[in-house]
Amino acid sequence: MQWPSRPPGDPEHDFVTLRANRMDLAQAKSSFNARVARTPGHKVLIFVHGYNTRFEEAVYRFAQIVHDARVDVAPVLFTWPSGGNVVDYVYDRDSAMYSRDALEAVLQALTNNPNVGSISILAHSMGNYLTVETLRQMSIRDHGLPTKIRDVMLASPDIDVDVFRRQIAEIDASPRTTEFTLFVSRDDKALGLSSFLARDSTRLGALDPTKEPYSMLEKAHVNVVDLTSVASNDVANHSKFATGEVVAAIGDRLAEGQTLSDAKPGLVESLGTFTHGAIGATADVAAGAVTAPARIADPTLNEKSVDTAADAVTLK
């Protein structure tokens, strides 16, 4: 992302907030419904950010993904109260777990919205723990996931492999139509640190797809994309999923209605190794729009959040 070298920044070269409008809930719903109505298939993409991520960083990151993918969906950013500091790992983990009911409320609201045709979820890092736990509790309570939730993308998930084994087992206990796609990278230094802090427990996002316990993913019908060979401008190799080449390559194929396994020659080389013939990687990965997603925050669900309404931010 092109951060301004000094404020206020140059909108021709940097991420710059041009306008911010505070909305009440009715205005936010009206704005969202108008946006999704213009989207082919009435598709929604939800992004759940990871550890050590401030609100503005999450907005700009998702805006970058939206811009690079060039697939038209209605983007929604779900933010949870990260401490925004590298030493706040335990605080962030607690905050993520605290936000499960809030994320479920958003998913249920979108599912029950007749204007929404389908929902895709993209989660990153610790945001995967929040996302999968939320889907697990929804699946247990409702005896399955809503059919509108078509795709769940797990990018560099900071989840213990054994924990995920139990989570996906609970989700699979009922009939499932949702596709799960996992993006891994064995050189992810951030997950290496997480593994060390967790007493060398294997993290899902750093799993070696050629070794056990990989078969657990096959049994759970989780598609796997190995990005180990993909170059990253992130020194920790923790955000490869968001590099322009990866997002654009996926977006191009999905815009043509192709799954990644059906893609034209060169896609595998540009993204990494598709392990064990993994197929059906998710659709609707992001939207090609210049309007940033709306932030949905409810202080009755999360007292740690200081915001009391949705903010719509337009970026250039």
Protein backbone atom coordinates (compact mmCIF):
# COMPACT_ATOMS: atom_id res chain seq x y z
CA MET A 1 0.00 0.00 0.00
CA GLN A 2 1.21 3.48 -0.85
CA TRP A 3 1.11 5.29 2.49
CA PRO A 4 1.55 9.10 2.34
CA SER A 5 5.12 10.16 3.04
CA ARG A 6 3.68 13.17 4.84
CA PRO A 7 0.12 14.40 5.48
CA PRO A 8 -2.24 15.04 3.83
CA GLY A 9 -0.78 12.91 1.02
CA ASP A 10 -1.18 13.00 -2.74
CA PRO A 11 -4.31 11.17 -3.98
CA GLU A 12 -2.59 10.51 -7.31
CA HIS A 13 0.05 8.35 -5.62
CA ASP A 14 -1.03 7.55 -2.06
CA PHE A 15 -3.94 6.06 -0.18
CA VAL A 16 -5.83 9.16 0.93
CA THR A 17 -9.20 9.54 2.62
CA LEU A 18 -11.10 12.07 0.54
CA ARG A 19 -14.38 12.03 2.43
CA ALA A 20 -15.88 10.32 5.48
CA ASN A 21 -19.62 10.29 6.20
CA ARG A 22 -21.07 9.16 9.51
CA MET A 23 -24.30 7.21 9.04
CA ASP A 24 -26.97 5.96 11.36
CA LEU A 25 -28.11 2.35 10.96
CA ALA A 26 -30.99 3.17 8.62
CA GLN A 27 -28.71 5.17 6.33
CA ALA A 28 -26.09 2.41 6.37
CA LYS A 29 -28.68 -0.23 5.40
CA SER A 30 -30.05 1.96 2.61
CA SER A 31 -26.55 2.62 1.24
CA PHE A 32 -25.68 -1.07 1.38
CA ASN A 33 -28.89 -2.19 -0.32
CA ALA A 34 -28.37 0.31 -3.13
CA ARG A 35 -24.82 -0.95 -3.62
CA VAL A 36 -25.64 -4.66 -3.61
CA ALA A 37 -28.54 -4.06 -6.01
CA ARG A 38 -26.03 -2.80 -8.60
CA THR A 39 -23.85 -5.90 -8.21
CA PRO A 40 -24.28 -8.77 -10.69
CA GLY A 41 -25.76 -11.69 -8.77
CA HIS A 42 -26.14 -9.47 -5.68
CA LYS A 43 -22.87 -10.81 -4.23
CA VAL A 44 -21.22 -9.67 -1.01
CA LEU A 45 -17.62 -10.06 0.13
CA ILE A 46 -16.80 -9.72 3.85
CA PHE A 47 -13.21 -9.09 4.93
CA VAL A 48 -12.12 -9.95 8.49
CA HIS A 49 -8.69 -8.50 9.31
CA GLY A 50 -6.00 -10.03 11.49
CA TYR A 51 -3.84 -9.32 14.53
CA ASN A 52 -2.09 -5.98 15.08
CA THR A 53 -4.32 -4.14 12.61
CA ARG A 54 -5.73 -0.66 13.20
CA PHE A 55 -9.05 0.30 11.66
CA GLU A 56 -7.52 2.56 9.01
CA GLU A 57 -5.04 -0.16 8.04
CA ALA A 58 -7.90 -2.63 7.57
CA VAL A 59 -9.83 -0.13 5.42
CA TYR A 60 -6.86 0.56 3.18
CA ARG A 61 -5.88 -3.10 2.93
CA PHE A 62 -9.37 -4.10 1.83
CA ALA A 63 -9.56 -1.16 -0.57
CA GLN A 64 -6.32 -2.40 -2.14
CA ILE A 65 -7.73 -5.94 -2.50
CA VAL A 66 -10.97 -4.56 -3.93
CA HIS A 67 -9.07 -2.48 -6.48
CA ASP A 68 -6.63 -5.20 -7.57
CA ALA A 69 -9.15 -8.03 -7.96
CA ARG A 70 -11.49 -6.20 -10.35
CA VAL A 71 -14.50 -8.42 -9.57
CA ASP A 72 -17.77 -6.65 -8.91
CA VAL A 73 -19.19 -7.54 -5.49
CA ALA A 74 -20.45 -5.41 -2.59
CA PRO A 75 -17.53 -5.18 -0.10
CA VAL A 76 -18.15 -5.16 3.66
CA LEU A 77 -15.33 -4.74 6.19
CA PHE A 78 -15.89 -6.36 9.58
CA THR A 79 -13.50 -4.87 12.13
CA TRP A 80 -12.81 -6.16 15.60
CA PRO A 81 -10.94 -4.20 18.30
CA SER A 82 -7.29 -5.06 17.72
CA GLY A 83 -4.86 -3.28 19.99
CA GLY A 84 -2.85 -2.32 16.91
CA ASN A 85 0.43 -3.17 18.64
CA VAL A 86 2.77 -6.10 18.14
CA VAL A 87 2.91 -6.77 21.90
CA ASP A 88 -0.90 -7.07 22.14
CA TYR A 89 -1.13 -10.68 20.91
CA VAL A 90 -3.08 -11.98 23.92
CA TYR A 91 -5.29 -8.87 23.98
CA ASP A 92 -6.05 -9.30 20.28
CA ARG A 93 -6.84 -12.98 20.68
CA ASP A 94 -9.29 -12.18 23.48
CA SER A 95 -10.80 -9.36 21.42
CA ALA A 96 -11.26 -11.65 18.44
CA MET A 97 -13.09 -14.22 20.54
CA TYR A 98 -15.16 -11.44 22.10
CA SER A 99 -16.38 -10.48 18.61
CA ARG A 100 -17.90 -13.84 17.61
CA ASP A 101 -21.47 -12.83 18.36
CA ALA A 102 -21.02 -9.53 16.52
CA LEU A 103 -19.74 -11.28 13.39
CA GLU A 104 -22.57 -13.80 13.58
CA ALA A 105 -25.08 -10.94 13.83
CA VAL A 106 -23.67 -9.42 10.63
CA LEU A 107 -23.73 -12.78 8.80
CA GLN A 108 -27.29 -13.46 9.91
CA ALA A 109 -28.39 -9.97 8.86
CA LEU A 110 -26.85 -10.44 5.41
CA THR A 111 -28.29 -13.93 5.08
CA ASN A 112 -31.78 -12.66 5.94
CA ASN A 113 -31.50 -9.68 3.60
CA PRO A 114 -33.53 -10.50 0.47
CA ASN A 115 -31.30 -8.17 -1.56
CA VAL A 116 -28.25 -10.41 -0.97
CA GLY A 117 -27.74 -13.32 -3.34
CA SER A 118 -24.53 -14.85 -1.99
CA ILE A 119 -21.81 -14.18 0.57
CA SER A 120 -18.06 -14.81 0.41
CA ILE A 121 -15.74 -14.36 3.39
CA LEU A 122 -12.04 -13.51 3.25
CA ALA A 123 -10.26 -13.74 6.61
CA HIS A 124 -6.61 -13.06 7.39
CA SER A 125 -4.33 -14.27 10.18
CA MET A 126 -6.06 -14.15 13.59
CA GLY A 127 -9.24 -13.07 11.83
CA ASN A 128 -9.52 -16.69 10.71
CA TYR A 129 -9.86 -17.86 14.30
CA LEU A 130 -12.73 -15.42 14.78
CA THR A 131 -14.31 -16.42 11.47
CA VAL A 132 -14.11 -20.20 11.86
CA GLU A 133 -15.28 -20.05 15.48
CA THR A 134 -18.26 -17.95 14.38
CA LEU A 135 -19.14 -20.38 11.59
CA ARG A 136 -18.76 -23.27 14.02
CA GLN A 137 -21.22 -21.82 16.50
CA MET A 138 -23.65 -20.98 13.69
CA SER A 139 -23.41 -24.51 12.34
CA ILE A 140 -24.06 -26.05 15.77
CA ARG A 141 -26.96 -23.74 16.59
CA ASP A 142 -28.65 -23.88 13.16
CA HIS A 143 -27.64 -27.44 12.18
CA GLY A 144 -25.62 -26.20 9.23
CA LEU A 145 -24.42 -23.02 7.56
CA PRO A 146 -26.72 -20.75 5.55
CA THR A 147 -26.68 -21.66 1.86
CA LYS A 148 -25.97 -18.03 0.97
CA ILE A 149 -22.49 -18.37 2.50
CA ARG A 150 -20.86 -19.86 -0.58
CA ASP A 151 -17.13 -19.40 -0.03
CA VAL A 152 -14.75 -18.98 2.91
CA MET A 153 -11.14 -18.02 2.16
CA LEU A 154 -8.66 -18.66 4.97
CA ALA A 155 -5.52 -16.58 4.31
CA SER A 156 -2.51 -17.34 6.53
CA PRO A 157 -4.75 -18.56 9.37
CA ASP A 158 -3.28 -18.27 12.87
CA ILE A 159 -5.09 -21.36 14.14
CA ASP A 160 -3.64 -24.43 15.81
CA VAL A 161 -4.05 -27.38 13.41
CA ASP A 162 -5.67 -29.59 16.05
CA VAL A 163 -8.11 -26.82 16.97
CA PHE A 164 -9.07 -26.44 13.32
CA ARG A 165 -9.57 -30.19 13.06
CA ARG A 166 -12.26 -29.96 15.75
CA GLN A 167 -13.77 -26.78 14.31
CA ILE A 168 -14.18 -28.16 10.79
CA ALA A 169 -15.51 -31.45 12.18
CA GLU A 170 -18.31 -29.57 13.93
CA ILE A 171 -19.07 -27.62 10.74
CA ASP A 172 -19.09 -30.84 8.70
CA ALA A 173 -21.41 -32.58 11.17
CA SER A 174 -24.29 -31.13 9.14
CA PRO A 175 -24.61 -31.03 5.34
CA ARG A 176 -22.31 -28.30 3.98
CA THR A 177 -22.52 -26.41 0.69
CA THR A 178 -19.90 -23.80 1.64
CA GLU A 179 -16.50 -24.10 -0.06
CA PHE A 180 -13.43 -23.62 2.17
CA THR A 181 -10.12 -22.59 0.57
CA LEU A 182 -6.90 -22.38 2.59
CA PHE A 183 -3.90 -20.25 1.53
CA VAL A 184 -0.66 -21.46 3.14
CA SER A 185 2.99 -20.41 3.04
CA ARG A 186 5.72 -22.36 4.78
CA ASP A 187 7.98 -19.29 5.03
CA ASP A 188 5.45 -17.23 6.99
CA LYS A 189 7.58 -15.69 9.75
CA ALA A 190 4.64 -14.22 11.66
CA LEU A 191 3.08 -17.67 12.02
CA GLY A 192 6.50 -18.99 13.00
CA LEU A 193 6.52 -16.57 15.92
CA SER A 194 2.94 -17.55 16.80
CA SER A 195 3.97 -21.19 16.79
CA PHE A 196 6.85 -20.40 19.14
CA LEU A 197 4.57 -18.48 21.51
CA ALA A 198 2.16 -21.44 21.47
CA ARG A 199 4.92 -23.92 22.41
CA ASP A 200 5.68 -25.05 18.87
CA SER A 201 2.12 -25.91 17.93
CA THR A 202 1.63 -26.19 14.17
CA ARG A 203 -0.25 -23.21 12.72
CA LEU A 204 -2.72 -23.94 9.95
CA GLY A 205 -1.40 -21.20 7.65
CA ALA A 206 2.15 -22.61 7.71
CA LEU A 207 1.15 -26.23 7.12
CA ASP A 208 3.29 -28.26 4.71
CA PRO A 209 0.79 -29.64 2.19
CA THR A 210 3.08 -32.59 1.41
CA LYS A 211 3.13 -33.93 4.95
CA GLU A 212 0.76 -34.97 7.68
CA PRO A 213 -1.59 -33.78 9.05
CA TYR A 214 -2.49 -32.60 5.53
CA SER A 215 -4.83 -35.56 4.97
CA MET A 216 -7.13 -33.99 7.56
CA LEU A 217 -7.78 -31.17 5.08
CA GLU A 218 -8.54 -33.60 2.27
CA LYS A 219 -11.06 -35.44 4.41
CA ALA A 220 -12.71 -32.15 5.30
CA HIS A 221 -12.82 -31.13 1.61
CA VAL A 222 -10.75 -28.01 2.23
CA ASN A 223 -9.08 -26.73 -0.93
CA VAL A 224 -5.43 -25.75 -0.43
CA VAL A 225 -3.32 -23.21 -2.32
CA ASP A 226 0.40 -23.16 -1.49
CA LEU A 227 1.92 -19.67 -1.85
CA THR A 228 5.36 -20.56 -0.50
CA SER A 229 7.06 -19.83 -3.83
CA VAL A 230 5.30 -16.48 -4.30
CA ALA A 231 7.46 -13.41 -3.68
CA SER A 232 6.23 -10.93 -1.08
CA ASN A 233 7.07 -7.31 -0.26
CA ASP A 234 6.01 -8.11 3.31
CA VAL A 235 9.17 -8.94 5.29
CA ALA A 236 7.19 -11.42 7.39
CA ASN A 237 5.71 -13.17 4.31
CA HIS A 238 2.37 -12.98 6.11
CA SER A 239 0.27 -11.11 3.52
CA LYS A 240 1.02 -12.93 0.28
CA PHE A 241 -2.69 -13.37 -0.36
CA ALA A 242 -2.99 -9.59 -0.81
CA THR A 243 -0.18 -9.09 -3.32
CA GLY A 244 -1.39 -7.55 -6.55
CA GLU A 245 -0.39 -10.53 -8.68
CA VAL A 246 -2.24 -13.06 -6.53
CA VAL A 247 -5.44 -11.04 -6.14
CA ALA A 248 -5.51 -9.98 -9.79
CA ALA A 249 -4.87 -13.52 -11.07
CA ILE A 250 -7.69 -14.93 -8.97
CA GLY A 251 -10.01 -12.05 -9.87
CA ASP A 252 -9.37 -12.44 -13.62
CA ARG A 253 -10.27 -16.14 -13.57
CA LEU A 254 -13.30 -15.69 -11.37
CA ALA A 255 -14.58 -12.87 -13.55
CA GLU A 256 -14.62 -15.41 -16.38
CA GLY A 257 -16.57 -17.86 -14.23
CA GLN A 258 -13.63 -20.23 -13.79
CA THR A 259 -12.53 -22.05 -10.68
CA LEU A 260 -8.79 -21.97 -10.06
CA SER A 261 -8.43 -25.60 -11.10
CA ASP A 262 -9.95 -24.74 -14.49
CA ALA A 263 -7.68 -21.76 -15.00
CA LYS A 264 -5.65 -21.02 -18.08
CA PRO A 265 -1.96 -22.06 -18.22
CA GLY A 266 0.24 -19.87 -16.06
CA LEU A 267 -2.09 -19.39 -13.12
CA VAL A 268 -0.52 -22.17 -11.09
CA GLU A 269 2.91 -20.70 -11.68
CA SER A 270 1.74 -17.23 -10.73
CA LEU A 271 0.06 -18.31 -7.51
CA GLY A 272 2.10 -21.25 -6.28
CA THR A 273 1.48 -24.97 -6.06
CA PHE A 274 -2.07 -26.28 -6.00
CA THR A 275 -1.63 -29.27 -3.78
CA HIS A 276 -3.10 -32.70 -4.35
CA GLY A 277 -5.25 -31.45 -7.22
CA ALA A 278 -7.18 -29.07 -4.99
CA ILE A 279 -10.14 -27.71 -6.89
CA GLY A 280 -12.99 -25.28 -6.67
CA ALA A 281 -11.21 -22.39 -4.99
CA THR A 282 -13.60 -19.68 -3.99
CA ALA A 283 -15.54 -17.29 -6.15
CA ASP A 284 -16.14 -13.58 -5.75
CA VAL A 285 -12.80 -12.82 -4.14
CA ALA A 286 -13.15 -9.04 -4.18
CA ALA A 287 -14.75 -6.10 -5.96
CA GLY A 288 -13.35 -3.66 -8.52
CA ALA A 289 -14.77 -0.49 -7.05
CA VAL A 290 -13.30 2.70 -5.67
CA THR A 291 -15.70 2.95 -2.75
CA ALA A 292 -14.28 1.48 0.44
CA PRO A 293 -16.37 -0.90 2.55
CA ALA A 294 -18.59 0.23 5.37
CA ARG A 295 -17.56 -0.40 8.94
CA ILE A 296 -20.23 -2.08 11.00
CA ALA A 297 -19.90 -1.56 14.74
CA ASP A 298 -22.45 -2.09 17.49
CA PRO A 299 -21.44 -0.86 20.96
CA THR A 300 -24.06 -3.12 22.55
CA LEU A 301 -22.17 -6.11 21.18
CA ASN A 302 -18.64 -4.89 21.81
CA GLU A 303 -17.94 -2.36 24.54
CA LYS A 304 -14.28 -2.18 23.49
CA SER A 305 -15.20 -0.38 20.29
CA VAL A 306 -15.29 3.40 20.57
CA ASP A 307 -17.40 3.88 17.45
CA THR A 308 -21.19 3.91 17.70
CA ALA A 309 -22.25 3.91 14.07
CA ALA A 310 -21.18 2.82 10.61
CA ASP A 311 -18.62 4.93 8.78
CA ALA A 312 -18.61 5.03 4.98
CA VAL A 313 -15.24 6.10 3.62
CA THR A 314 -14.58 7.02 0.00
CA LEU A 315 -11.01 6.53 -1.14
CA LYS A 316 -8.98 7.38 -4.20
